[in-house]
Amino acid sequence: MNPADWPLPLFVVWLIMYAVIIFRARGTYLLGRLARRGVSRIQRVERIMQSGRYQHAEQLLRRYGAAAVAVSFLLIGVQTVVNLAAGSIGMSLRRYLPALGLGGAVWALIYSTVGLVGLSAIVTAYRESPAVTLGLSAVFVAAIVGLTVGLRRAETGPDPADPDPED
């Protein structure tokens, strides 16, 4: 379901997408506020709040504030934990709402115009040449896994089993 294919004017599609992100992100923020008041005792919420991704989101918010909320809408898989963390650390609505408005507007623009074109391109490429598409996908996944592993190793420091990391 690609919003760019909807038989509506672009502005109406944008408004729909904007409403979706505002309600979703604001709801996540409110869940964070509730978690701060004790809902974190719910096992699933507690697991999320103990995750490394969530802890990182809290650190980003403490360091960059509302700017981190606005930028999170440009990053896939980050906006939910950032909005949850914004609520749980008690970011004021005076700071949160403008960041949500700006980030949500950009998110809605991206998804109402070109956001889902990438998925269509992959499907078309697979229809034309499945072997090449799967091969390139495997290379892409390997690169992401390699980058992730490398960054995690760099974060944790040298391996304690390695007596001399200079060798």
N, C-alpha and C. Protein backbone atom coordinates (compact mmCIF):
# COMPACT_ATOMS: atom_id res chain seq x y z
N MET A 1 0.85 -1.18 0.00
CA MET A 1 0.00 0.00 0.00
C MET A 1 0.89 1.24 0.00
N ASN A 2 1.18 1.73 -1.15
CA ASN A 2 2.05 2.87 -1.32
C ASN A 2 1.23 4.15 -1.34
N PRO A 3 1.45 5.06 -0.39
CA PRO A 3 0.67 6.31 -0.37
C PRO A 3 0.83 7.13 -1.64
N ALA A 4 1.96 6.97 -2.34
CA ALA A 4 2.16 7.72 -3.58
C ALA A 4 1.17 7.27 -4.66
N ASP A 5 0.58 6.08 -4.51
CA ASP A 5 -0.39 5.57 -5.48
C ASP A 5 -1.85 5.88 -5.11
N TRP A 6 -2.06 6.50 -3.96
CA TRP A 6 -3.42 6.81 -3.54
C TRP A 6 -4.04 7.83 -4.49
N PRO A 7 -5.32 7.65 -4.83
CA PRO A 7 -5.97 8.59 -5.78
C PRO A 7 -6.43 9.86 -5.08
N LEU A 8 -5.53 10.50 -4.37
CA LEU A 8 -5.84 11.72 -3.63
C LEU A 8 -4.79 12.77 -3.96
N PRO A 9 -5.12 14.03 -3.77
CA PRO A 9 -4.10 15.06 -3.94
C PRO A 9 -2.95 14.85 -2.94
N LEU A 10 -1.76 15.22 -3.34
CA LEU A 10 -0.57 15.02 -2.51
C LEU A 10 -0.74 15.62 -1.12
N PHE A 11 -1.33 16.80 -1.04
CA PHE A 11 -1.50 17.45 0.26
C PHE A 11 -2.39 16.63 1.18
N VAL A 12 -3.42 16.00 0.66
CA VAL A 12 -4.31 15.18 1.47
C VAL A 12 -3.57 13.93 1.94
N VAL A 13 -2.79 13.32 1.07
CA VAL A 13 -1.98 12.15 1.45
C VAL A 13 -1.01 12.56 2.55
N TRP A 14 -0.37 13.72 2.39
CA TRP A 14 0.55 14.21 3.41
C TRP A 14 -0.16 14.41 4.74
N LEU A 15 -1.35 15.00 4.71
CA LEU A 15 -2.12 15.21 5.95
C LEU A 15 -2.43 13.89 6.65
N ILE A 16 -2.81 12.89 5.87
CA ILE A 16 -3.10 11.58 6.45
C ILE A 16 -1.85 11.00 7.11
N MET A 17 -0.74 11.04 6.38
CA MET A 17 0.52 10.50 6.93
C MET A 17 0.97 11.30 8.15
N TYR A 18 0.77 12.61 8.11
CA TYR A 18 1.14 13.46 9.24
C TYR A 18 0.31 13.10 10.47
N ALA A 19 -0.98 12.90 10.28
CA ALA A 19 -1.84 12.50 11.40
C ALA A 19 -1.40 11.15 11.97
N VAL A 20 -1.05 10.22 11.10
CA VAL A 20 -0.59 8.90 11.55
C VAL A 20 0.64 9.04 12.45
N ILE A 21 1.62 9.79 12.01
CA ILE A 21 2.86 9.88 12.78
C ILE A 21 2.66 10.68 14.06
N ILE A 22 1.84 11.70 14.02
CA ILE A 22 1.60 12.50 15.23
C ILE A 22 0.92 11.64 16.29
N PHE A 23 -0.11 10.90 15.91
CA PHE A 23 -0.81 10.06 16.89
C PHE A 23 0.09 8.93 17.40
N ARG A 24 0.83 8.32 16.49
CA ARG A 24 1.70 7.21 16.89
C ARG A 24 2.83 7.69 17.81
N ALA A 25 3.51 8.73 17.41
CA ALA A 25 4.64 9.23 18.22
C ALA A 25 4.16 9.80 19.54
N ARG A 26 3.08 10.54 19.53
CA ARG A 26 2.55 11.11 20.77
C ARG A 26 2.08 10.01 21.71
N GLY A 27 1.48 8.96 21.17
CA GLY A 27 1.07 7.82 22.00
C GLY A 27 2.27 7.13 22.63
N THR A 28 3.35 7.01 21.87
CA THR A 28 4.57 6.40 22.40
C THR A 28 5.16 7.28 23.50
N TYR A 29 5.14 8.60 23.30
CA TYR A 29 5.60 9.55 24.31
C TYR A 29 4.78 9.38 25.60
N LEU A 30 3.46 9.29 25.45
CA LEU A 30 2.59 9.12 26.61
C LEU A 30 2.86 7.79 27.32
N LEU A 31 3.15 6.74 26.57
CA LEU A 31 3.52 5.47 27.17
C LEU A 31 4.79 5.63 28.00
N GLY A 32 5.74 6.42 27.48
CA GLY A 32 6.96 6.71 28.23
C GLY A 32 6.66 7.44 29.52
N ARG A 33 5.73 8.39 29.47
CA ARG A 33 5.33 9.11 30.68
C ARG A 33 4.72 8.15 31.70
N LEU A 34 3.86 7.26 31.21
CA LEU A 34 3.24 6.27 32.10
C LEU A 34 4.29 5.32 32.68
N ALA A 35 5.24 4.94 31.84
CA ALA A 35 6.30 4.03 32.29
C ALA A 35 7.09 4.66 33.43
N ARG A 36 7.26 5.95 33.34
CA ARG A 36 7.97 6.67 34.38
C ARG A 36 7.21 6.61 35.70
N ARG A 37 5.90 6.46 35.61
CA ARG A 37 5.06 6.43 36.81
C ARG A 37 4.73 5.02 37.26
N GLY A 38 5.38 4.02 36.73
CA GLY A 38 5.17 2.68 37.25
C GLY A 38 4.72 1.64 36.27
N VAL A 39 4.33 2.02 35.06
CA VAL A 39 3.92 1.02 34.07
C VAL A 39 5.13 0.19 33.67
N SER A 40 6.33 0.68 33.97
CA SER A 40 7.54 -0.07 33.60
C SER A 40 7.59 -1.42 34.31
N ARG A 41 6.73 -1.62 35.29
CA ARG A 41 6.66 -2.94 35.93
C ARG A 41 6.08 -4.00 35.00
N ILE A 42 5.41 -3.57 33.94
CA ILE A 42 4.91 -4.51 32.95
C ILE A 42 6.14 -5.08 32.24
N GLN A 43 6.21 -6.39 32.18
CA GLN A 43 7.42 -7.05 31.71
C GLN A 43 7.87 -6.60 30.32
N ARG A 44 6.96 -6.46 29.40
CA ARG A 44 7.34 -6.07 28.04
C ARG A 44 7.92 -4.65 28.01
N VAL A 45 7.29 -3.74 28.72
CA VAL A 45 7.78 -2.36 28.77
C VAL A 45 9.14 -2.33 29.46
N GLU A 46 9.29 -3.10 30.52
CA GLU A 46 10.57 -3.15 31.23
C GLU A 46 11.69 -3.67 30.32
N ARG A 47 11.38 -4.71 29.53
CA ARG A 47 12.38 -5.25 28.58
C ARG A 47 12.82 -4.20 27.58
N ILE A 48 11.87 -3.44 27.07
CA ILE A 48 12.20 -2.38 26.11
C ILE A 48 13.09 -1.34 26.78
N MET A 49 12.74 -0.96 28.01
CA MET A 49 13.48 0.10 28.69
C MET A 49 14.86 -0.36 29.17
N GLN A 50 15.09 -1.65 29.20
CA GLN A 50 16.41 -2.17 29.57
C GLN A 50 17.28 -2.44 28.35
N SER A 51 16.71 -2.33 27.15
CA SER A 51 17.46 -2.64 25.94
C SER A 51 18.55 -1.59 25.68
N GLY A 52 19.57 -2.00 24.99
CA GLY A 52 20.65 -1.09 24.63
C GLY A 52 20.18 0.05 23.76
N ARG A 53 19.27 -0.24 22.83
CA ARG A 53 18.75 0.78 21.93
C ARG A 53 18.02 1.87 22.72
N TYR A 54 17.23 1.45 23.70
CA TYR A 54 16.50 2.42 24.51
C TYR A 54 17.48 3.24 25.35
N GLN A 55 18.46 2.59 25.96
CA GLN A 55 19.44 3.31 26.79
C GLN A 55 20.19 4.33 25.94
N HIS A 56 20.53 3.95 24.71
CA HIS A 56 21.21 4.86 23.79
C HIS A 56 20.30 6.05 23.46
N ALA A 57 19.02 5.78 23.25
CA ALA A 57 18.07 6.85 22.95
C ALA A 57 17.99 7.84 24.12
N GLU A 58 17.99 7.35 25.33
CA GLU A 58 17.97 8.24 26.49
C GLU A 58 19.22 9.11 26.53
N GLN A 59 20.36 8.50 26.25
CA GLN A 59 21.61 9.28 26.24
C GLN A 59 21.57 10.38 25.17
N LEU A 60 21.06 10.03 23.99
CA LEU A 60 20.94 11.03 22.93
C LEU A 60 20.03 12.18 23.34
N LEU A 61 18.92 11.84 23.98
CA LEU A 61 17.98 12.88 24.41
C LEU A 61 18.58 13.77 25.48
N ARG A 62 19.30 13.18 26.40
CA ARG A 62 19.92 13.99 27.45
C ARG A 62 20.99 14.91 26.86
N ARG A 63 21.65 14.45 25.82
CA ARG A 63 22.72 15.25 25.21
C ARG A 63 22.19 16.30 24.23
N TYR A 64 21.25 15.89 23.34
CA TYR A 64 20.80 16.77 22.26
C TYR A 64 19.38 17.31 22.44
N GLY A 65 18.63 16.77 23.37
CA GLY A 65 17.29 17.28 23.64
C GLY A 65 16.32 17.08 22.50
N ALA A 66 15.53 18.10 22.24
CA ALA A 66 14.47 18.03 21.25
C ALA A 66 14.99 17.78 19.84
N ALA A 67 16.22 18.20 19.56
CA ALA A 67 16.78 17.95 18.22
C ALA A 67 16.85 16.46 17.93
N ALA A 68 17.12 15.65 18.95
CA ALA A 68 17.18 14.20 18.76
C ALA A 68 15.81 13.65 18.37
N VAL A 69 14.75 14.23 18.93
CA VAL A 69 13.39 13.80 18.57
C VAL A 69 13.13 14.11 17.10
N ALA A 70 13.43 15.33 16.68
CA ALA A 70 13.17 15.72 15.28
C ALA A 70 13.96 14.85 14.30
N VAL A 71 15.23 14.61 14.59
CA VAL A 71 16.09 13.83 13.68
C VAL A 71 15.68 12.36 13.68
N SER A 72 15.12 11.87 14.78
CA SER A 72 14.76 10.44 14.86
C SER A 72 13.77 10.04 13.77
N PHE A 73 12.99 10.98 13.26
CA PHE A 73 12.01 10.65 12.23
C PHE A 73 12.66 10.37 10.88
N LEU A 74 13.93 10.68 10.75
CA LEU A 74 14.65 10.39 9.51
C LEU A 74 15.34 9.04 9.56
N LEU A 75 15.32 8.39 10.72
CA LEU A 75 16.04 7.14 10.91
C LEU A 75 15.06 6.00 11.16
N ILE A 76 15.15 4.97 10.37
CA ILE A 76 14.26 3.82 10.50
C ILE A 76 14.62 3.06 11.77
N GLY A 77 13.61 2.72 12.55
CA GLY A 77 13.82 1.91 13.74
C GLY A 77 14.28 2.67 14.96
N VAL A 78 14.33 3.98 14.90
CA VAL A 78 14.82 4.77 16.02
C VAL A 78 13.71 5.61 16.64
N GLN A 79 12.77 6.06 15.83
CA GLN A 79 11.79 7.02 16.31
C GLN A 79 10.95 6.50 17.47
N THR A 80 10.62 5.22 17.50
CA THR A 80 9.80 4.70 18.58
C THR A 80 10.52 4.78 19.92
N VAL A 81 11.77 4.30 19.96
CA VAL A 81 12.49 4.33 21.24
C VAL A 81 12.82 5.76 21.66
N VAL A 82 13.06 6.65 20.72
CA VAL A 82 13.35 8.04 21.08
C VAL A 82 12.11 8.69 21.68
N ASN A 83 10.95 8.47 21.08
CA ASN A 83 9.72 9.04 21.63
C ASN A 83 9.37 8.45 22.98
N LEU A 84 9.60 7.15 23.14
CA LEU A 84 9.37 6.50 24.44
C LEU A 84 10.31 7.09 25.48
N ALA A 85 11.57 7.24 25.13
CA ALA A 85 12.56 7.79 26.06
C ALA A 85 12.24 9.25 26.39
N ALA A 86 11.77 10.02 25.41
CA ALA A 86 11.42 11.42 25.66
C ALA A 86 10.33 11.50 26.72
N GLY A 87 9.38 10.60 26.65
CA GLY A 87 8.33 10.58 27.67
C GLY A 87 8.85 10.12 29.02
N SER A 88 9.67 9.09 29.03
CA SER A 88 10.10 8.54 30.31
C SER A 88 11.10 9.43 31.05
N ILE A 89 11.89 10.22 30.30
CA ILE A 89 12.80 11.12 31.01
C ILE A 89 12.11 12.43 31.38
N GLY A 90 10.87 12.58 30.94
CA GLY A 90 10.09 13.75 31.32
C GLY A 90 10.38 14.99 30.50
N MET A 91 10.72 14.81 29.21
CA MET A 91 10.92 15.98 28.35
C MET A 91 9.64 16.80 28.34
N SER A 92 9.77 18.08 28.52
CA SER A 92 8.59 18.94 28.59
C SER A 92 7.89 19.00 27.23
N LEU A 93 6.58 19.15 27.30
CA LEU A 93 5.80 19.27 26.06
C LEU A 93 6.20 20.52 25.28
N ARG A 94 6.65 21.54 25.98
CA ARG A 94 7.08 22.78 25.34
C ARG A 94 8.26 22.52 24.40
N ARG A 95 9.08 21.55 24.72
CA ARG A 95 10.22 21.19 23.86
C ARG A 95 9.86 20.05 22.91
N TYR A 96 9.07 19.09 23.41
CA TYR A 96 8.75 17.89 22.64
C TYR A 96 7.85 18.19 21.44
N LEU A 97 6.77 18.93 21.65
CA LEU A 97 5.78 19.13 20.59
C LEU A 97 6.34 19.83 19.35
N PRO A 98 7.16 20.88 19.47
CA PRO A 98 7.73 21.45 18.24
C PRO A 98 8.64 20.46 17.50
N ALA A 99 9.41 19.67 18.25
CA ALA A 99 10.28 18.68 17.61
C ALA A 99 9.44 17.61 16.91
N LEU A 100 8.36 17.18 17.56
CA LEU A 100 7.44 16.21 16.97
C LEU A 100 6.80 16.81 15.72
N GLY A 101 6.38 18.05 15.79
CA GLY A 101 5.74 18.69 14.63
C GLY A 101 6.67 18.77 13.44
N LEU A 102 7.91 19.21 13.67
CA LEU A 102 8.88 19.33 12.58
C LEU A 102 9.30 17.96 12.04
N GLY A 103 9.70 17.06 12.93
CA GLY A 103 10.12 15.72 12.50
C GLY A 103 9.00 14.96 11.83
N GLY A 104 7.79 15.09 12.38
CA GLY A 104 6.63 14.42 11.79
C GLY A 104 6.29 14.95 10.41
N ALA A 105 6.45 16.27 10.22
CA ALA A 105 6.17 16.87 8.91
C ALA A 105 7.13 16.34 7.85
N VAL A 106 8.40 16.24 8.21
CA VAL A 106 9.39 15.72 7.26
C VAL A 106 9.12 14.25 6.98
N TRP A 107 8.83 13.47 8.03
CA TRP A 107 8.51 12.05 7.86
C TRP A 107 7.32 11.88 6.92
N ALA A 108 6.26 12.66 7.14
CA ALA A 108 5.06 12.56 6.30
C ALA A 108 5.38 12.92 4.85
N LEU A 109 6.23 13.92 4.65
CA LEU A 109 6.61 14.30 3.29
C LEU A 109 7.36 13.16 2.59
N ILE A 110 8.28 12.57 3.30
CA ILE A 110 9.06 11.47 2.72
C ILE A 110 8.15 10.29 2.37
N TYR A 111 7.31 9.87 3.32
CA TYR A 111 6.48 8.70 3.08
C TYR A 111 5.31 8.96 2.15
N SER A 112 4.87 10.19 2.01
CA SER A 112 3.76 10.45 1.08
C SER A 112 4.26 10.65 -0.34
N THR A 113 5.57 10.80 -0.53
CA THR A 113 6.09 11.00 -1.88
C THR A 113 6.97 9.82 -2.32
N VAL A 114 8.11 9.65 -1.73
CA VAL A 114 9.06 8.65 -2.21
C VAL A 114 9.36 7.53 -1.21
N GLY A 115 8.79 7.56 -0.05
CA GLY A 115 9.14 6.64 1.02
C GLY A 115 9.03 5.16 0.69
N LEU A 116 8.03 4.79 -0.07
CA LEU A 116 7.83 3.37 -0.35
C LEU A 116 8.25 2.99 -1.76
N VAL A 117 8.84 3.93 -2.48
CA VAL A 117 9.30 3.64 -3.83
C VAL A 117 10.41 2.60 -3.81
N GLY A 118 11.24 2.63 -2.77
CA GLY A 118 12.34 1.67 -2.65
C GLY A 118 11.84 0.23 -2.63
N LEU A 119 10.75 -0.01 -1.91
CA LEU A 119 10.18 -1.35 -1.88
C LEU A 119 9.69 -1.77 -3.26
N SER A 120 9.05 -0.86 -3.96
CA SER A 120 8.59 -1.15 -5.32
C SER A 120 9.77 -1.45 -6.24
N ALA A 121 10.86 -0.71 -6.06
CA ALA A 121 12.06 -0.92 -6.89
C ALA A 121 12.65 -2.30 -6.65
N ILE A 122 12.68 -2.74 -5.41
CA ILE A 122 13.22 -4.06 -5.09
C ILE A 122 12.35 -5.16 -5.71
N VAL A 123 11.04 -5.01 -5.60
CA VAL A 123 10.12 -6.00 -6.18
C VAL A 123 10.31 -6.06 -7.69
N THR A 124 10.42 -4.91 -8.34
CA THR A 124 10.62 -4.88 -9.79
C THR A 124 11.95 -5.50 -10.17
N ALA A 125 13.00 -5.18 -9.43
CA ALA A 125 14.32 -5.76 -9.71
C ALA A 125 14.29 -7.27 -9.55
N TYR A 126 13.59 -7.76 -8.54
CA TYR A 126 13.51 -9.20 -8.33
C TYR A 126 12.78 -9.88 -9.49
N ARG A 127 11.73 -9.25 -9.98
CA ARG A 127 11.00 -9.82 -11.12
C ARG A 127 11.89 -9.90 -12.35
N GLU A 128 12.72 -8.90 -12.56
CA GLU A 128 13.59 -8.85 -13.74
C GLU A 128 14.79 -9.78 -13.62
N SER A 129 15.40 -9.83 -12.44
CA SER A 129 16.60 -10.64 -12.25
C SER A 129 16.71 -11.08 -10.79
N PRO A 130 16.07 -12.20 -10.46
CA PRO A 130 16.08 -12.66 -9.06
C PRO A 130 17.50 -12.94 -8.53
N ALA A 131 18.36 -13.52 -9.34
CA ALA A 131 19.70 -13.89 -8.87
C ALA A 131 20.51 -12.64 -8.52
N VAL A 132 20.47 -11.64 -9.38
CA VAL A 132 21.22 -10.40 -9.11
C VAL A 132 20.64 -9.70 -7.88
N THR A 133 19.32 -9.64 -7.78
CA THR A 133 18.68 -8.97 -6.64
C THR A 133 19.04 -9.67 -5.34
N LEU A 134 18.96 -11.00 -5.32
CA LEU A 134 19.31 -11.75 -4.11
C LEU A 134 20.80 -11.60 -3.78
N GLY A 135 21.65 -11.62 -4.81
CA GLY A 135 23.08 -11.44 -4.59
C GLY A 135 23.41 -10.08 -3.99
N LEU A 136 22.84 -9.05 -4.57
CA LEU A 136 23.06 -7.70 -4.03
C LEU A 136 22.48 -7.55 -2.62
N SER A 137 21.35 -8.17 -2.39
CA SER A 137 20.75 -8.15 -1.04
C SER A 137 21.66 -8.83 -0.04
N ALA A 138 22.25 -9.97 -0.43
CA ALA A 138 23.17 -10.68 0.46
C ALA A 138 24.40 -9.84 0.78
N VAL A 139 24.93 -9.16 -0.22
CA VAL A 139 26.09 -8.28 0.00
C VAL A 139 25.70 -7.14 0.94
N PHE A 140 24.54 -6.56 0.73
CA PHE A 140 24.07 -5.46 1.58
C PHE A 140 23.90 -5.93 3.02
N VAL A 141 23.26 -7.09 3.22
CA VAL A 141 23.07 -7.62 4.58
C VAL A 141 24.42 -7.92 5.23
N ALA A 142 25.35 -8.51 4.48
CA ALA A 142 26.68 -8.80 5.02
C ALA A 142 27.40 -7.52 5.42
N ALA A 143 27.26 -6.48 4.63
CA ALA A 143 27.89 -5.19 4.96
C ALA A 143 27.31 -4.60 6.23
N ILE A 144 25.99 -4.67 6.38
CA ILE A 144 25.34 -4.15 7.59
C ILE A 144 25.77 -4.96 8.81
N VAL A 145 25.78 -6.29 8.69
CA VAL A 145 26.20 -7.13 9.81
C VAL A 145 27.66 -6.83 10.16
N GLY A 146 28.52 -6.74 9.17
CA GLY A 146 29.93 -6.43 9.43
C GLY A 146 30.11 -5.09 10.10
N LEU A 147 29.39 -4.09 9.64
CA LEU A 147 29.46 -2.77 10.24
C LEU A 147 28.97 -2.79 11.69
N THR A 148 27.86 -3.47 11.92
CA THR A 148 27.31 -3.56 13.27
C THR A 148 28.27 -4.26 14.22
N VAL A 149 28.82 -5.39 13.79
CA VAL A 149 29.77 -6.12 14.63
C VAL A 149 31.01 -5.27 14.89
N GLY A 150 31.52 -4.61 13.87
CA GLY A 150 32.69 -3.75 14.03
C GLY A 150 32.44 -2.61 15.00
N LEU A 151 31.28 -1.98 14.90
CA LEU A 151 30.97 -0.87 15.79
C LEU A 151 30.79 -1.35 17.23
N ARG A 152 30.19 -2.51 17.41
CA ARG A 152 30.03 -3.04 18.77
C ARG A 152 31.37 -3.39 19.39
N ARG A 153 32.26 -3.95 18.60
CA ARG A 153 33.60 -4.28 19.10
C ARG A 153 34.35 -3.00 19.47
N ALA A 154 34.20 -1.98 18.66
CA ALA A 154 34.87 -0.71 18.94
C ALA A 154 34.31 -0.07 20.21
N GLU A 155 32.99 -0.25 20.45
CA GLU A 155 32.35 0.28 21.66
C GLU A 155 32.85 -0.40 22.91
N THR A 156 33.03 -1.73 22.85
CA THR A 156 33.40 -2.49 24.05
C THR A 156 34.89 -2.44 24.32
N GLY A 157 35.69 -2.00 23.37
CA GLY A 157 37.13 -1.91 23.58
C GLY A 157 37.83 -3.18 23.15
N PRO A 158 39.13 -3.28 23.45
CA PRO A 158 39.89 -4.46 23.02
C PRO A 158 39.44 -5.72 23.77
N ASP A 159 39.64 -6.85 23.12
CA ASP A 159 39.29 -8.15 23.69
C ASP A 159 40.24 -8.44 24.86
N PRO A 160 39.70 -8.71 26.08
CA PRO A 160 40.56 -8.98 27.22
C PRO A 160 41.40 -10.24 27.05
N ALA A 161 41.01 -11.16 26.18
CA ALA A 161 41.78 -12.39 25.96
C ALA A 161 43.02 -12.10 25.11
N ASP A 162 43.05 -10.97 24.41
CA ASP A 162 44.16 -10.60 23.56
C ASP A 162 45.17 -9.79 24.39
N PRO A 163 46.32 -10.37 24.74
CA PRO A 163 47.25 -9.68 25.63
C PRO A 163 47.87 -8.42 25.02
N ASP A 164 48.08 -8.41 23.70
CA ASP A 164 48.70 -7.26 23.07
C ASP A 164 47.93 -6.91 21.80
N PRO A 165 47.02 -5.91 21.88
CA PRO A 165 46.21 -5.58 20.71
C PRO A 165 47.02 -4.94 19.59
N GLU A 166 48.27 -4.56 19.82
CA GLU A 166 49.10 -3.92 18.79
C GLU A 166 49.65 -4.93 17.79
N ASP A 167 49.72 -6.23 18.14
CA ASP A 167 50.30 -7.25 17.24
C ASP A 167 49.43 -7.50 16.06
